[in-house]
Amino acid sequence: YEMESLECELPRLKIRGRCSKGTCIRSLANEIGTALHSGAHLTGLRRTRSGGFTLENAWNLDDFLENLQNLETK
């Protein structure tokens, strides 16, 4: 739906995208590299939202494991 360049310090490019389910970001990186005749790959991928779930409402791993352990001991 939307793509925005956040940083461009060649050879690295940081992009924010908003897309539908089923979009393959790794393939998109490859297509960008092909269009630039240079090749490209992902060095990182961070999902900030999925459906109604947002990064702001996410638990960090330590909190999740602690809550899981508390449930298992009840």
C-alpha atoms as a PDB file:
ATOM      1  CA  TYR A   1       0.000   0.000   0.000  1.00  0.00           C
ATOM      2  CA  GLU A   2       2.796   2.387   0.890  1.00  0.00           C
ATOM      3  CA  MET A   3       6.604   2.534   0.952  1.00  0.00           C
ATOM      4  CA  GLU A   4       8.846   5.236   2.389  1.00  0.00           C
ATOM      5  CA  SER A   5      12.621   5.622   2.320  1.00  0.00           C
ATOM      6  CA  LEU A   6      13.803   6.354   5.880  1.00  0.00           C
ATOM      7  CA  GLU A   7      17.585   6.317   5.411  1.00  0.00           C
ATOM      8  CA  CYS A   8      19.903   6.096   2.452  1.00  0.00           C
ATOM      9  CA  GLU A   9      23.542   5.540   3.373  1.00  0.00           C
ATOM     10  CA  LEU A  10      24.762   3.454   0.463  1.00  0.00           C
ATOM     11  CA  PRO A  11      25.112   0.588   0.258  1.00  0.00           C
ATOM     12  CA  ARG A  12      22.370   0.426   2.936  1.00  0.00           C
ATOM     13  CA  LEU A  13      18.815   1.613   2.457  1.00  0.00           C
ATOM     14  CA  LYS A  14      16.186   1.631   5.214  1.00  0.00           C
ATOM     15  CA  ILE A  15      12.556   1.428   4.054  1.00  0.00           C
ATOM     16  CA  ARG A  16       9.231   1.475   5.907  1.00  0.00           C
ATOM     17  CA  GLY A  17       6.397  -0.262   4.146  1.00  0.00           C
ATOM     18  CA  ARG A  18       2.733  -0.899   4.737  1.00  0.00           C
ATOM     19  CA  CYS A  19       1.479  -3.933   2.853  1.00  0.00           C
ATOM     20  CA  SER A  20      -1.158  -6.641   2.762  1.00  0.00           C
ATOM     21  CA  LYS A  21      -0.680 -10.147   4.091  1.00  0.00           C
ATOM     22  CA  GLY A  22       1.172 -12.341   1.684  1.00  0.00           C
ATOM     23  CA  THR A  23       3.595  -9.621   0.585  1.00  0.00           C
ATOM     24  CA  CYS A  24       7.089 -11.086   0.496  1.00  0.00           C
ATOM     25  CA  ILE A  25       9.456  -8.345   1.647  1.00  0.00           C
ATOM     26  CA  ARG A  26      12.507 -10.467   0.864  1.00  0.00           C
ATOM     27  CA  SER A  27      11.349 -10.742  -2.751  1.00  0.00           C
ATOM     28  CA  LEU A  28      10.738  -6.999  -2.824  1.00  0.00           C
ATOM     29  CA  ALA A  29      14.349  -6.380  -1.738  1.00  0.00           C
ATOM     30  CA  ASN A  30      15.529  -8.675  -4.516  1.00  0.00           C
ATOM     31  CA  GLU A  31      13.374  -6.827  -7.073  1.00  0.00           C
ATOM     32  CA  ILE A  32      14.771  -3.455  -5.953  1.00  0.00           C
ATOM     33  CA  GLY A  33      18.310  -4.792  -6.386  1.00  0.00           C
ATOM     34  CA  THR A  34      17.457  -6.137  -9.822  1.00  0.00           C
ATOM     35  CA  ALA A  35      15.996  -2.767 -10.870  1.00  0.00           C
ATOM     36  CA  LEU A  36      19.173  -1.034  -9.674  1.00  0.00           C
ATOM     37  CA  HIS A  37      21.378  -3.618 -11.437  1.00  0.00           C
ATOM     38  CA  SER A  38      23.235  -4.176  -8.166  1.00  0.00           C
ATOM     39  CA  GLY A  39      21.597  -7.037  -6.289  1.00  0.00           C
ATOM     40  CA  ALA A  40      20.091  -6.629  -2.821  1.00  0.00           C
ATOM     41  CA  HIS A  41      19.157  -8.605   0.277  1.00  0.00           C
ATOM     42  CA  LEU A  42      17.666  -7.969   3.696  1.00  0.00           C
ATOM     43  CA  THR A  43      19.887  -7.387   6.694  1.00  0.00           C
ATOM     44  CA  GLY A  44      16.898  -6.918   8.998  1.00  0.00           C
ATOM     45  CA  LEU A  45      13.125  -7.103   9.044  1.00  0.00           C
ATOM     46  CA  ARG A  46      10.882  -5.758  11.793  1.00  0.00           C
ATOM     47  CA  ARG A  47       7.127  -6.252  11.776  1.00  0.00           C
ATOM     48  CA  THR A  48       5.532  -3.360  13.675  1.00  0.00           C
ATOM     49  CA  ARG A  49       1.917  -4.333  13.107  1.00  0.00           C
ATOM     50  CA  SER A  50      -0.093  -7.388  12.141  1.00  0.00           C
ATOM     51  CA  GLY A  51      -3.851  -7.039  11.968  1.00  0.00           C
ATOM     52  CA  GLY A  52      -4.982  -5.544  15.262  1.00  0.00           C
ATOM     53  CA  PHE A  53      -1.666  -6.297  16.988  1.00  0.00           C
ATOM     54  CA  THR A  54       0.826  -3.436  17.265  1.00  0.00           C
ATOM     55  CA  LEU A  55       4.390  -3.149  18.458  1.00  0.00           C
ATOM     56  CA  GLU A  56       3.301  -0.767  21.212  1.00  0.00           C
ATOM     57  CA  ASN A  57       1.156  -3.529  22.750  1.00  0.00           C
ATOM     58  CA  ALA A  58       3.748  -6.277  22.360  1.00  0.00           C
ATOM     59  CA  TRP A  59       5.498  -7.949  25.278  1.00  0.00           C
ATOM     60  CA  ASN A  60       9.248  -8.343  25.361  1.00  0.00           C
ATOM     61  CA  LEU A  61      10.478 -11.929  25.510  1.00  0.00           C
ATOM     62  CA  ASP A  62      11.436 -11.849  29.202  1.00  0.00           C
ATOM     63  CA  ASP A  63       7.986 -10.595  30.257  1.00  0.00           C
ATOM     64  CA  PHE A  64       6.292 -13.185  28.060  1.00  0.00           C
ATOM     65  CA  LEU A  65       8.333 -16.046  29.520  1.00  0.00           C
ATOM     66  CA  GLU A  66       7.693 -14.825  33.062  1.00  0.00           C
ATOM     67  CA  ASN A  67       3.932 -14.660  32.451  1.00  0.00           C
ATOM     68  CA  LEU A  68       4.006 -18.089  30.830  1.00  0.00           C
ATOM     69  CA  GLN A  69       5.871 -19.559  33.789  1.00  0.00           C
ATOM     70  CA  ASN A  70       3.348 -17.983  36.193  1.00  0.00           C
ATOM     71  CA  LEU A  71       0.482 -19.594  34.267  1.00  0.00           C
ATOM     72  CA  GLU A  72       2.161 -22.992  34.291  1.00  0.00           C
ATOM     73  CA  THR A  73       2.727 -22.931  38.068  1.00  0.00           C
ATOM     74  CA  LYS A  74      -0.926 -22.153  38.910  1.00  0.00           C
END
